[in-house]
N, C-alpha and C. Protein backbone atom coordinates (compact mmCIF):
# COMPACT_ATOMS: atom_id res chain seq x y z
N MET A 1 130.35 184.00 171.77
CA MET A 1 129.85 182.69 171.78
C MET A 1 130.89 181.72 171.30
N ALA A 2 130.86 180.68 171.93
CA ALA A 2 131.87 179.68 171.58
C ALA A 2 131.30 178.73 170.54
N SER A 3 132.15 178.30 169.65
CA SER A 3 131.66 177.39 168.61
C SER A 3 131.78 175.94 169.11
N LEU A 4 130.78 175.25 168.86
CA LEU A 4 130.74 173.84 169.24
C LEU A 4 131.21 172.99 168.05
N PRO A 5 132.01 172.06 168.32
CA PRO A 5 132.42 171.21 167.19
C PRO A 5 131.25 170.33 166.74
N LEU A 6 130.95 170.37 165.47
CA LEU A 6 129.84 169.60 164.93
C LEU A 6 130.27 168.16 164.59
N LEU A 7 131.45 168.03 164.14
CA LEU A 7 131.95 166.71 163.75
C LEU A 7 133.27 166.46 164.44
N ALA A 8 133.65 165.20 164.33
CA ALA A 8 134.95 164.85 164.90
C ALA A 8 136.03 165.48 164.07
N PRO A 9 137.16 165.64 164.62
CA PRO A 9 138.23 166.26 163.85
C PRO A 9 138.58 165.42 162.63
N PRO A 10 139.00 166.01 161.55
CA PRO A 10 139.31 165.26 160.33
C PRO A 10 140.47 164.31 160.56
N VAL A 11 140.41 163.17 159.78
CA VAL A 11 141.46 162.15 159.87
C VAL A 11 142.63 162.65 159.07
N ASP A 12 143.78 162.36 159.52
CA ASP A 12 144.96 162.86 158.81
C ASP A 12 145.17 162.12 157.50
N ALA A 13 145.97 162.64 156.63
CA ALA A 13 146.17 162.15 155.27
C ALA A 13 146.74 160.74 155.21
N PRO A 14 147.68 160.34 156.04
CA PRO A 14 148.21 158.97 155.90
C PRO A 14 147.15 157.90 156.17
N THR A 15 146.19 158.15 157.00
CA THR A 15 145.14 157.17 157.27
C THR A 15 144.26 156.99 156.03
N TRP A 16 143.95 158.12 155.34
CA TRP A 16 143.14 158.03 154.11
C TRP A 16 143.87 157.23 153.04
N SER A 17 145.11 157.38 152.94
CA SER A 17 145.84 156.66 151.89
C SER A 17 145.84 155.16 152.16
N TRP A 18 145.92 154.77 153.42
CA TRP A 18 145.85 153.34 153.73
C TRP A 18 144.46 152.78 153.42
N LEU A 19 143.43 153.53 153.66
CA LEU A 19 142.07 153.08 153.34
C LEU A 19 141.89 152.90 151.84
N ILE A 20 142.44 153.82 151.07
CA ILE A 20 142.32 153.73 149.60
C ILE A 20 143.10 152.51 149.10
N VAL A 21 144.26 152.26 149.63
CA VAL A 21 145.07 151.10 149.22
C VAL A 21 144.34 149.81 149.58
N ALA A 22 143.73 149.72 150.77
CA ALA A 22 142.99 148.53 151.19
C ALA A 22 141.79 148.31 150.27
N LEU A 23 141.10 149.39 149.92
CA LEU A 23 139.94 149.29 149.02
C LEU A 23 140.38 148.82 147.64
N LEU A 24 141.46 149.35 147.12
CA LEU A 24 141.97 148.91 145.81
C LEU A 24 142.41 147.45 145.86
N GLY A 25 143.00 147.02 146.95
CA GLY A 25 143.41 145.62 147.11
C GLY A 25 142.21 144.69 147.12
N ALA A 26 141.14 145.09 147.83
CA ALA A 26 139.93 144.28 147.87
C ALA A 26 139.30 144.18 146.49
N CYS A 27 139.32 145.29 145.74
CA CYS A 27 138.79 145.27 144.36
C CYS A 27 139.62 144.35 143.48
N ALA A 28 140.93 144.35 143.65
CA ALA A 28 141.80 143.49 142.86
C ALA A 28 141.54 142.02 143.16
N VAL A 29 141.35 141.67 144.43
CA VAL A 29 141.04 140.29 144.81
C VAL A 29 139.69 139.87 144.24
N ALA A 30 138.69 140.75 144.34
CA ALA A 30 137.36 140.44 143.79
C ALA A 30 137.44 140.23 142.28
N LEU A 31 138.21 141.06 141.59
CA LEU A 31 138.37 140.93 140.14
C LEU A 31 139.06 139.61 139.80
N TRP A 32 140.07 139.23 140.60
CA TRP A 32 140.77 137.97 140.36
C TRP A 32 139.83 136.78 140.55
N VAL A 33 138.95 136.81 141.57
CA VAL A 33 137.97 135.74 141.82
C VAL A 33 136.98 135.64 140.66
N VAL A 34 136.51 136.79 140.16
CA VAL A 34 135.57 136.80 139.04
C VAL A 34 136.20 136.20 137.80
N VAL A 35 137.44 136.56 137.51
CA VAL A 35 138.14 136.02 136.33
C VAL A 35 138.33 134.52 136.48
N ALA A 36 138.69 134.05 137.67
CA ALA A 36 138.89 132.62 137.90
C ALA A 36 137.57 131.86 137.70
N ARG A 37 136.46 132.41 138.19
CA ARG A 37 135.15 131.76 138.03
C ARG A 37 134.74 131.73 136.56
N LEU A 38 135.01 132.80 135.83
CA LEU A 38 134.68 132.83 134.40
C LEU A 38 135.49 131.79 133.64
N ALA A 39 136.75 131.62 134.01
CA ALA A 39 137.58 130.60 133.36
C ALA A 39 137.04 129.20 133.65
N GLU A 40 136.58 128.97 134.88
CA GLU A 40 136.00 127.68 135.23
C GLU A 40 134.70 127.43 134.45
N ILE A 41 133.86 128.44 134.34
CA ILE A 41 132.61 128.31 133.57
C ILE A 41 132.90 128.05 132.10
N GLU A 42 133.90 128.74 131.56
CA GLU A 42 134.28 128.53 130.16
C GLU A 42 134.78 127.11 129.94
N ARG A 43 135.55 126.59 130.89
CA ARG A 43 136.05 125.22 130.79
C ARG A 43 134.90 124.21 130.83
N ARG A 44 133.92 124.44 131.67
CA ARG A 44 132.76 123.55 131.74
C ARG A 44 131.94 123.60 130.46
N LEU A 45 131.75 124.78 129.92
CA LEU A 45 130.96 124.92 128.70
C LEU A 45 131.67 124.35 127.48
N ALA A 46 132.98 124.27 127.52
CA ALA A 46 133.73 123.71 126.39
C ALA A 46 133.39 122.23 126.20
N GLY A 47 133.09 121.52 127.27
CA GLY A 47 132.75 120.10 127.19
C GLY A 47 131.30 119.85 126.82
N LYS A 48 130.46 120.83 126.94
CA LYS A 48 129.04 120.67 126.63
C LYS A 48 128.79 120.85 125.14
N PRO A 49 127.79 120.13 124.60
CA PRO A 49 127.47 120.34 123.18
C PRO A 49 126.84 121.71 122.98
N ARG A 50 127.10 122.25 121.85
CA ARG A 50 126.54 123.56 121.52
C ARG A 50 125.05 123.39 121.19
N PRO A 51 124.29 124.47 121.26
CA PRO A 51 122.84 124.34 121.00
C PRO A 51 122.53 123.75 119.63
N ASP A 52 123.29 124.09 118.61
CA ASP A 52 123.00 123.53 117.29
C ASP A 52 123.33 122.04 117.25
N GLU A 53 124.39 121.61 117.96
CA GLU A 53 124.71 120.19 118.04
C GLU A 53 123.65 119.44 118.83
N ALA A 54 123.17 120.05 119.90
CA ALA A 54 122.12 119.42 120.70
C ALA A 54 120.84 119.27 119.88
N ALA A 55 120.52 120.26 119.07
CA ALA A 55 119.33 120.17 118.23
C ALA A 55 119.49 119.06 117.20
N ASP A 56 120.69 118.90 116.64
CA ASP A 56 120.94 117.82 115.69
C ASP A 56 120.79 116.45 116.36
N ALA A 57 121.34 116.31 117.56
CA ALA A 57 121.23 115.05 118.29
C ALA A 57 119.78 114.75 118.62
N LEU A 58 119.03 115.77 118.98
CA LEU A 58 117.62 115.58 119.29
C LEU A 58 116.84 115.16 118.05
N SER A 59 117.13 115.76 116.91
CA SER A 59 116.42 115.38 115.69
C SER A 59 116.80 113.97 115.26
N ARG A 60 118.05 113.55 115.48
CA ARG A 60 118.45 112.17 115.15
C ARG A 60 117.71 111.18 116.03
N SER A 61 117.59 111.48 117.33
CA SER A 61 116.88 110.56 118.21
C SER A 61 115.39 110.53 117.88
N ALA A 62 114.83 111.66 117.47
CA ALA A 62 113.43 111.68 117.07
C ALA A 62 113.24 110.87 115.79
N GLY A 63 114.19 110.95 114.87
CA GLY A 63 114.12 110.16 113.64
C GLY A 63 114.20 108.67 113.93
N ALA A 64 115.06 108.30 114.87
CA ALA A 64 115.17 106.89 115.24
C ALA A 64 113.89 106.42 115.91
N ARG A 65 113.27 107.30 116.66
CA ARG A 65 112.03 106.94 117.34
C ARG A 65 110.90 106.74 116.35
N GLU A 66 110.90 107.55 115.27
CA GLU A 66 109.86 107.40 114.26
C GLU A 66 110.03 106.10 113.49
N ASN A 67 111.26 105.60 113.39
CA ASN A 67 111.51 104.36 112.66
C ASN A 67 110.99 103.14 113.40
N ILE A 68 110.72 103.28 114.68
CA ILE A 68 110.21 102.16 115.45
C ILE A 68 108.74 101.96 115.09
N ASP A 69 108.43 100.78 114.64
CA ASP A 69 107.06 100.47 114.24
C ASP A 69 106.37 99.78 115.42
N LEU A 70 105.61 100.55 116.17
CA LEU A 70 104.97 100.01 117.37
C LEU A 70 103.96 98.93 117.03
N ARG A 71 103.33 99.06 115.89
CA ARG A 71 102.35 98.07 115.49
C ARG A 71 103.02 96.72 115.24
N ARG A 72 104.18 96.75 114.61
CA ARG A 72 104.92 95.52 114.35
C ARG A 72 105.40 94.91 115.66
N ILE A 73 105.82 95.74 116.61
CA ILE A 73 106.26 95.23 117.91
C ILE A 73 105.09 94.56 118.63
N GLU A 74 103.90 95.14 118.54
CA GLU A 74 102.72 94.51 119.13
C GLU A 74 102.45 93.16 118.48
N GLN A 75 102.60 93.08 117.16
CA GLN A 75 102.38 91.81 116.47
C GLN A 75 103.40 90.76 116.93
N ILE A 76 104.64 91.18 117.06
CA ILE A 76 105.68 90.24 117.48
C ILE A 76 105.41 89.75 118.90
N LEU A 77 104.99 90.66 119.77
CA LEU A 77 104.66 90.25 121.13
C LEU A 77 103.48 89.29 121.15
N GLY A 78 102.49 89.55 120.29
CA GLY A 78 101.36 88.62 120.16
C GLY A 78 101.81 87.26 119.67
N GLU A 79 102.73 87.25 118.71
CA GLU A 79 103.27 85.99 118.19
C GLU A 79 104.02 85.24 119.29
N LEU A 80 104.78 85.96 120.08
CA LEU A 80 105.49 85.32 121.18
C LEU A 80 104.53 84.72 122.20
N ARG A 81 103.47 85.45 122.48
CA ARG A 81 102.46 84.94 123.42
C ARG A 81 101.79 83.69 122.87
N ASP A 82 101.41 83.73 121.58
CA ASP A 82 100.78 82.56 120.97
C ASP A 82 101.75 81.38 120.91
N GLY A 83 103.00 81.68 120.58
CA GLY A 83 104.01 80.62 120.53
C GLY A 83 104.23 79.98 121.89
N SER A 84 104.23 80.79 122.94
CA SER A 84 104.41 80.22 124.27
C SER A 84 103.22 79.36 124.67
N ARG A 85 102.02 79.76 124.25
CA ARG A 85 100.83 78.92 124.53
C ARG A 85 100.93 77.59 123.78
N ARG A 86 101.34 77.65 122.52
CA ARG A 86 101.47 76.41 121.75
C ARG A 86 102.58 75.53 122.33
N LEU A 87 103.66 76.14 122.78
CA LEU A 87 104.73 75.38 123.41
C LEU A 87 104.24 74.71 124.68
N GLU A 88 103.48 75.44 125.46
CA GLU A 88 102.94 74.86 126.69
C GLU A 88 102.04 73.68 126.37
N ASP A 89 101.19 73.82 125.35
CA ASP A 89 100.32 72.70 124.96
C ASP A 89 101.14 71.50 124.49
N ALA A 90 102.18 71.76 123.71
CA ALA A 90 103.02 70.67 123.22
C ALA A 90 103.74 69.98 124.37
N LEU A 91 104.21 70.76 125.33
CA LEU A 91 104.87 70.16 126.49
C LEU A 91 103.90 69.33 127.33
N LEU A 92 102.68 69.84 127.49
CA LEU A 92 101.68 69.06 128.23
C LEU A 92 101.35 67.77 127.51
N ARG A 93 101.24 67.82 126.18
CA ARG A 93 100.98 66.58 125.42
C ARG A 93 102.14 65.61 125.57
N ALA A 94 103.37 66.13 125.51
CA ALA A 94 104.53 65.26 125.64
C ALA A 94 104.60 64.64 127.02
N VAL A 95 104.32 65.41 128.06
CA VAL A 95 104.35 64.88 129.42
C VAL A 95 103.26 63.84 129.61
N SER A 96 102.07 64.12 129.10
CA SER A 96 100.99 63.14 129.25
C SER A 96 101.29 61.89 128.44
N ALA A 97 101.95 62.02 127.29
CA ALA A 97 102.30 60.85 126.49
C ALA A 97 103.36 60.01 127.19
N THR A 98 104.31 60.66 127.85
CA THR A 98 105.34 59.89 128.55
C THR A 98 104.76 59.19 129.76
N ARG A 99 103.82 59.81 130.42
CA ARG A 99 103.19 59.15 131.58
C ARG A 99 102.33 57.98 131.13
N ALA A 100 101.67 58.13 130.01
CA ALA A 100 100.79 57.07 129.53
C ALA A 100 101.57 55.94 128.86
N GLY A 101 102.62 56.27 128.14
CA GLY A 101 103.30 55.24 127.35
C GLY A 101 104.74 55.01 127.73
N GLY A 102 105.18 55.34 128.91
CA GLY A 102 106.56 55.10 129.32
C GLY A 102 107.45 56.25 128.90
N ALA A 103 108.66 55.93 128.41
CA ALA A 103 109.65 56.95 128.09
C ALA A 103 109.58 57.39 126.63
N ASN A 104 108.61 56.90 125.87
CA ASN A 104 108.51 57.23 124.45
C ASN A 104 107.92 58.62 124.28
N LEU A 105 108.66 59.53 123.65
CA LEU A 105 108.20 60.89 123.44
C LEU A 105 107.51 61.07 122.10
N GLU A 106 107.45 60.04 121.29
CA GLU A 106 106.78 60.15 119.99
C GLU A 106 105.28 60.25 120.21
N VAL A 107 104.71 61.36 119.85
CA VAL A 107 103.28 61.57 119.99
C VAL A 107 102.65 61.31 118.63
N ALA A 108 101.52 60.63 118.63
CA ALA A 108 100.85 60.34 117.37
C ALA A 108 100.46 61.64 116.69
N GLY A 109 100.79 61.76 115.42
CA GLY A 109 100.45 62.97 114.67
C GLY A 109 101.43 64.11 114.92
N ALA A 110 102.63 63.82 115.39
CA ALA A 110 103.60 64.87 115.68
C ALA A 110 104.01 65.60 114.41
N ALA A 111 104.09 64.88 113.29
CA ALA A 111 104.47 65.51 112.02
C ALA A 111 103.40 66.50 111.59
N SER A 112 102.13 66.14 111.79
CA SER A 112 101.06 67.06 111.39
C SER A 112 101.04 68.29 112.28
N VAL A 113 101.30 68.12 113.57
CA VAL A 113 101.35 69.27 114.46
C VAL A 113 102.52 70.17 114.06
N ASP A 114 103.66 69.57 113.74
CA ASP A 114 104.84 70.33 113.35
C ASP A 114 104.58 71.12 112.08
N LEU A 115 103.94 70.50 111.10
CA LEU A 115 103.65 71.17 109.84
C LEU A 115 102.70 72.35 110.06
N GLY A 116 101.66 72.14 110.84
CA GLY A 116 100.72 73.22 111.14
C GLY A 116 101.38 74.36 111.89
N GLU A 117 102.27 74.02 112.83
CA GLU A 117 103.00 75.04 113.58
C GLU A 117 103.91 75.85 112.67
N ARG A 118 104.59 75.17 111.75
CA ARG A 118 105.49 75.87 110.85
C ARG A 118 104.73 76.84 109.96
N VAL A 119 103.58 76.41 109.44
CA VAL A 119 102.78 77.30 108.58
C VAL A 119 102.28 78.49 109.40
N THR A 120 101.75 78.22 110.59
CA THR A 120 101.22 79.29 111.44
C THR A 120 102.32 80.28 111.82
N ASN A 121 103.48 79.78 112.20
CA ASN A 121 104.58 80.68 112.58
C ASN A 121 105.03 81.54 111.41
N ARG A 122 105.11 80.97 110.21
CA ARG A 122 105.52 81.74 109.04
C ARG A 122 104.49 82.82 108.74
N MET A 123 103.22 82.49 108.83
CA MET A 123 102.15 83.46 108.54
C MET A 123 102.19 84.60 109.57
N LEU A 124 102.38 84.26 110.82
CA LEU A 124 102.46 85.30 111.86
C LEU A 124 103.67 86.19 111.64
N ALA A 125 104.78 85.59 111.23
CA ALA A 125 106.00 86.37 110.97
C ALA A 125 105.82 87.30 109.78
N LEU A 126 104.97 86.93 108.85
CA LEU A 126 104.71 87.77 107.67
C LEU A 126 103.68 88.87 107.96
N GLY A 127 103.14 88.89 109.16
CA GLY A 127 102.23 89.96 109.54
C GLY A 127 100.77 89.59 109.43
N PHE A 128 100.46 88.33 109.21
CA PHE A 128 99.07 87.89 109.14
C PHE A 128 98.59 87.56 110.55
N GLU A 129 97.30 87.59 110.74
CA GLU A 129 96.72 87.25 112.04
C GLU A 129 95.50 86.38 111.80
N ARG A 130 95.01 85.76 112.84
CA ARG A 130 93.85 84.85 112.76
C ARG A 130 94.08 83.79 111.68
N VAL A 131 95.20 83.11 111.76
CA VAL A 131 95.58 82.12 110.76
C VAL A 131 94.75 80.85 110.97
N VAL A 132 94.13 80.38 109.87
CA VAL A 132 93.34 79.15 109.89
C VAL A 132 93.87 78.26 108.77
N ILE A 133 94.26 77.04 109.14
CA ILE A 133 94.74 76.09 108.15
C ILE A 133 93.55 75.29 107.66
N VAL A 134 93.29 75.36 106.35
CA VAL A 134 92.10 74.75 105.74
C VAL A 134 92.36 73.29 105.38
N THR A 135 93.55 72.95 104.97
CA THR A 135 93.88 71.59 104.57
C THR A 135 93.71 70.65 105.77
N PRO A 136 93.05 69.52 105.56
CA PRO A 136 92.87 68.57 106.68
C PRO A 136 94.21 68.04 107.19
N ARG A 137 94.29 67.83 108.49
CA ARG A 137 95.54 67.39 109.12
C ARG A 137 95.95 65.99 108.66
N GLU A 138 95.03 65.22 108.17
CA GLU A 138 95.36 63.87 107.70
C GLU A 138 96.30 63.92 106.49
N GLN A 139 96.28 65.00 105.74
CA GLN A 139 97.11 65.13 104.55
C GLN A 139 98.51 65.69 104.86
N PHE A 140 98.74 66.15 106.08
CA PHE A 140 99.99 66.81 106.41
C PHE A 140 101.20 65.89 106.24
N GLU A 141 101.08 64.64 106.65
CA GLU A 141 102.23 63.75 106.57
C GLU A 141 102.65 63.49 105.12
N SER A 142 101.66 63.32 104.22
CA SER A 142 102.02 63.11 102.81
C SER A 142 102.59 64.40 102.20
N ILE A 143 102.08 65.56 102.60
CA ILE A 143 102.62 66.84 102.11
C ILE A 143 104.05 67.01 102.59
N LEU A 144 104.30 66.65 103.83
CA LEU A 144 105.63 66.79 104.40
C LEU A 144 106.63 65.86 103.73
N ASN A 145 106.20 64.64 103.41
CA ASN A 145 107.10 63.65 102.81
C ASN A 145 107.33 63.89 101.32
N SER A 146 106.25 64.17 100.56
CA SER A 146 106.38 64.27 99.10
C SER A 146 106.25 65.68 98.57
N GLY A 147 105.96 66.64 99.40
CA GLY A 147 105.80 68.02 98.96
C GLY A 147 104.35 68.29 98.60
N GLY A 148 104.00 69.55 98.54
CA GLY A 148 102.64 69.93 98.20
C GLY A 148 102.29 71.28 98.78
N GLU A 149 100.99 71.53 98.84
CA GLU A 149 100.50 72.82 99.29
C GLU A 149 99.54 72.66 100.45
N VAL A 150 99.60 73.59 101.37
CA VAL A 150 98.66 73.64 102.49
C VAL A 150 97.83 74.90 102.31
N SER A 151 96.51 74.76 102.22
CA SER A 151 95.61 75.91 102.06
C SER A 151 95.48 76.64 103.39
N VAL A 152 95.52 77.99 103.29
CA VAL A 152 95.52 78.81 104.50
C VAL A 152 94.60 80.00 104.30
N GLU A 153 93.90 80.39 105.36
CA GLU A 153 93.11 81.62 105.40
C GLU A 153 93.63 82.44 106.58
N ALA A 154 93.71 83.76 106.37
CA ALA A 154 94.21 84.63 107.44
C ALA A 154 93.70 86.04 107.19
N ARG A 155 94.03 86.94 108.10
CA ARG A 155 93.69 88.35 107.95
C ARG A 155 94.96 89.17 108.04
N ARG A 156 94.98 90.23 107.23
CA ARG A 156 96.09 91.18 107.29
C ARG A 156 95.51 92.57 107.15
N ASP A 157 95.79 93.41 108.13
CA ASP A 157 95.25 94.78 108.17
C ASP A 157 93.74 94.78 108.07
N GLY A 158 93.11 93.77 108.68
CA GLY A 158 91.66 93.69 108.69
C GLY A 158 91.04 93.05 107.46
N ALA A 159 91.81 92.81 106.42
CA ALA A 159 91.28 92.22 105.18
C ALA A 159 91.51 90.71 105.19
N ALA A 160 90.49 89.98 104.76
CA ALA A 160 90.60 88.53 104.67
C ALA A 160 91.50 88.16 103.50
N CYS A 161 92.34 87.16 103.71
CA CYS A 161 93.27 86.70 102.67
C CYS A 161 93.20 85.18 102.60
N LYS A 162 93.38 84.67 101.39
CA LYS A 162 93.42 83.23 101.17
C LYS A 162 94.66 82.92 100.36
N GLY A 163 95.20 81.73 100.59
CA GLY A 163 96.39 81.37 99.84
C GLY A 163 96.88 80.00 100.22
N LYS A 164 98.18 79.77 99.98
CA LYS A 164 98.75 78.46 100.22
C LYS A 164 100.19 78.59 100.69
N ALA A 165 100.58 77.59 101.46
CA ALA A 165 101.97 77.45 101.87
C ALA A 165 102.53 76.27 101.10
N ILE A 166 103.65 76.47 100.42
CA ILE A 166 104.19 75.46 99.52
C ILE A 166 105.38 74.77 100.20
N PHE A 167 105.32 73.43 100.21
CA PHE A 167 106.37 72.60 100.80
C PHE A 167 107.06 71.80 99.72
N ARG A 168 108.38 71.74 99.79
CA ARG A 168 109.18 70.89 98.91
C ARG A 168 110.29 70.25 99.73
N GLY A 169 110.38 68.95 99.67
CA GLY A 169 111.44 68.26 100.41
C GLY A 169 111.33 68.44 101.90
N GLY A 170 110.13 68.58 102.43
CA GLY A 170 109.94 68.75 103.86
C GLY A 170 110.17 70.15 104.37
N ALA A 171 110.48 71.09 103.47
CA ALA A 171 110.76 72.47 103.88
C ALA A 171 109.69 73.40 103.34
N LEU A 172 109.33 74.38 104.13
CA LEU A 172 108.40 75.42 103.70
C LEU A 172 109.17 76.40 102.83
N VAL A 173 108.88 76.40 101.53
CA VAL A 173 109.68 77.21 100.61
C VAL A 173 109.01 78.52 100.22
N ASP A 174 107.67 78.59 100.26
CA ASP A 174 107.02 79.82 99.82
C ASP A 174 105.62 79.90 100.42
N VAL A 175 105.15 81.12 100.57
CA VAL A 175 103.77 81.38 100.99
C VAL A 175 103.19 82.35 99.97
N ALA A 176 102.11 81.94 99.34
CA ALA A 176 101.44 82.78 98.34
C ALA A 176 100.06 83.12 98.87
N MET A 177 99.87 84.40 99.21
CA MET A 177 98.59 84.84 99.75
C MET A 177 98.03 85.95 98.87
N GLN A 178 96.70 85.99 98.79
CA GLN A 178 96.02 87.02 98.01
C GLN A 178 94.82 87.49 98.83
N SER A 179 94.67 88.81 98.88
CA SER A 179 93.56 89.34 99.66
C SER A 179 92.25 89.06 98.92
N ALA A 180 91.18 88.93 99.69
CA ALA A 180 89.88 88.58 99.10
C ALA A 180 89.37 89.67 98.19
N TYR A 181 89.64 90.93 98.51
CA TYR A 181 89.13 92.00 97.66
C TYR A 181 89.89 92.08 96.35
N ALA A 182 91.06 91.49 96.24
CA ALA A 182 91.79 91.51 94.97
C ALA A 182 91.25 90.46 93.99
N THR A 183 90.45 89.51 94.48
CA THR A 183 89.92 88.49 93.60
C THR A 183 88.71 88.98 92.83
N PHE A 184 88.08 90.05 93.26
CA PHE A 184 86.92 90.58 92.56
C PHE A 184 87.36 91.54 91.47
N PRO A 185 86.58 91.62 90.38
CA PRO A 185 86.98 92.53 89.28
C PRO A 185 86.83 93.98 89.61
């Protein structure tokens, strides 16, 4: 019986050696690419903050965020809104006065309006709300000229407060307020 060849004849030795050299060359190129990529990744990571530095930066920004008093910002925005309304009213009065009386911008009682505005603005800046000036407006001009006190009622943190705004030489020099619950024994 004749034997049938099961496989192709074996490849000679020089062909195997070339295959091994080609395989080793491909491995060397792949290793060189991996090392180059690792160097690039290392260079990118060198510019990035480390996790402990990032945590510190995050805690600093959280601390700065806690320092922001949102309630005070709301009050300031409310003051700006009220101030713009008062400005609009004053401008409308001035325009109507100029139409009625020519080019004269002097509005009757301008000093009293100015004094009331100054007291209200100071009270709002101090954190009071619902400011009511108790002193009659007829007394404002004498208080502005010779000094004196303007009685004021307002609320702060929901508590009613009473006090006075003190004027000297036409300038608002002090505001003395006392909460209503502090007046009781």
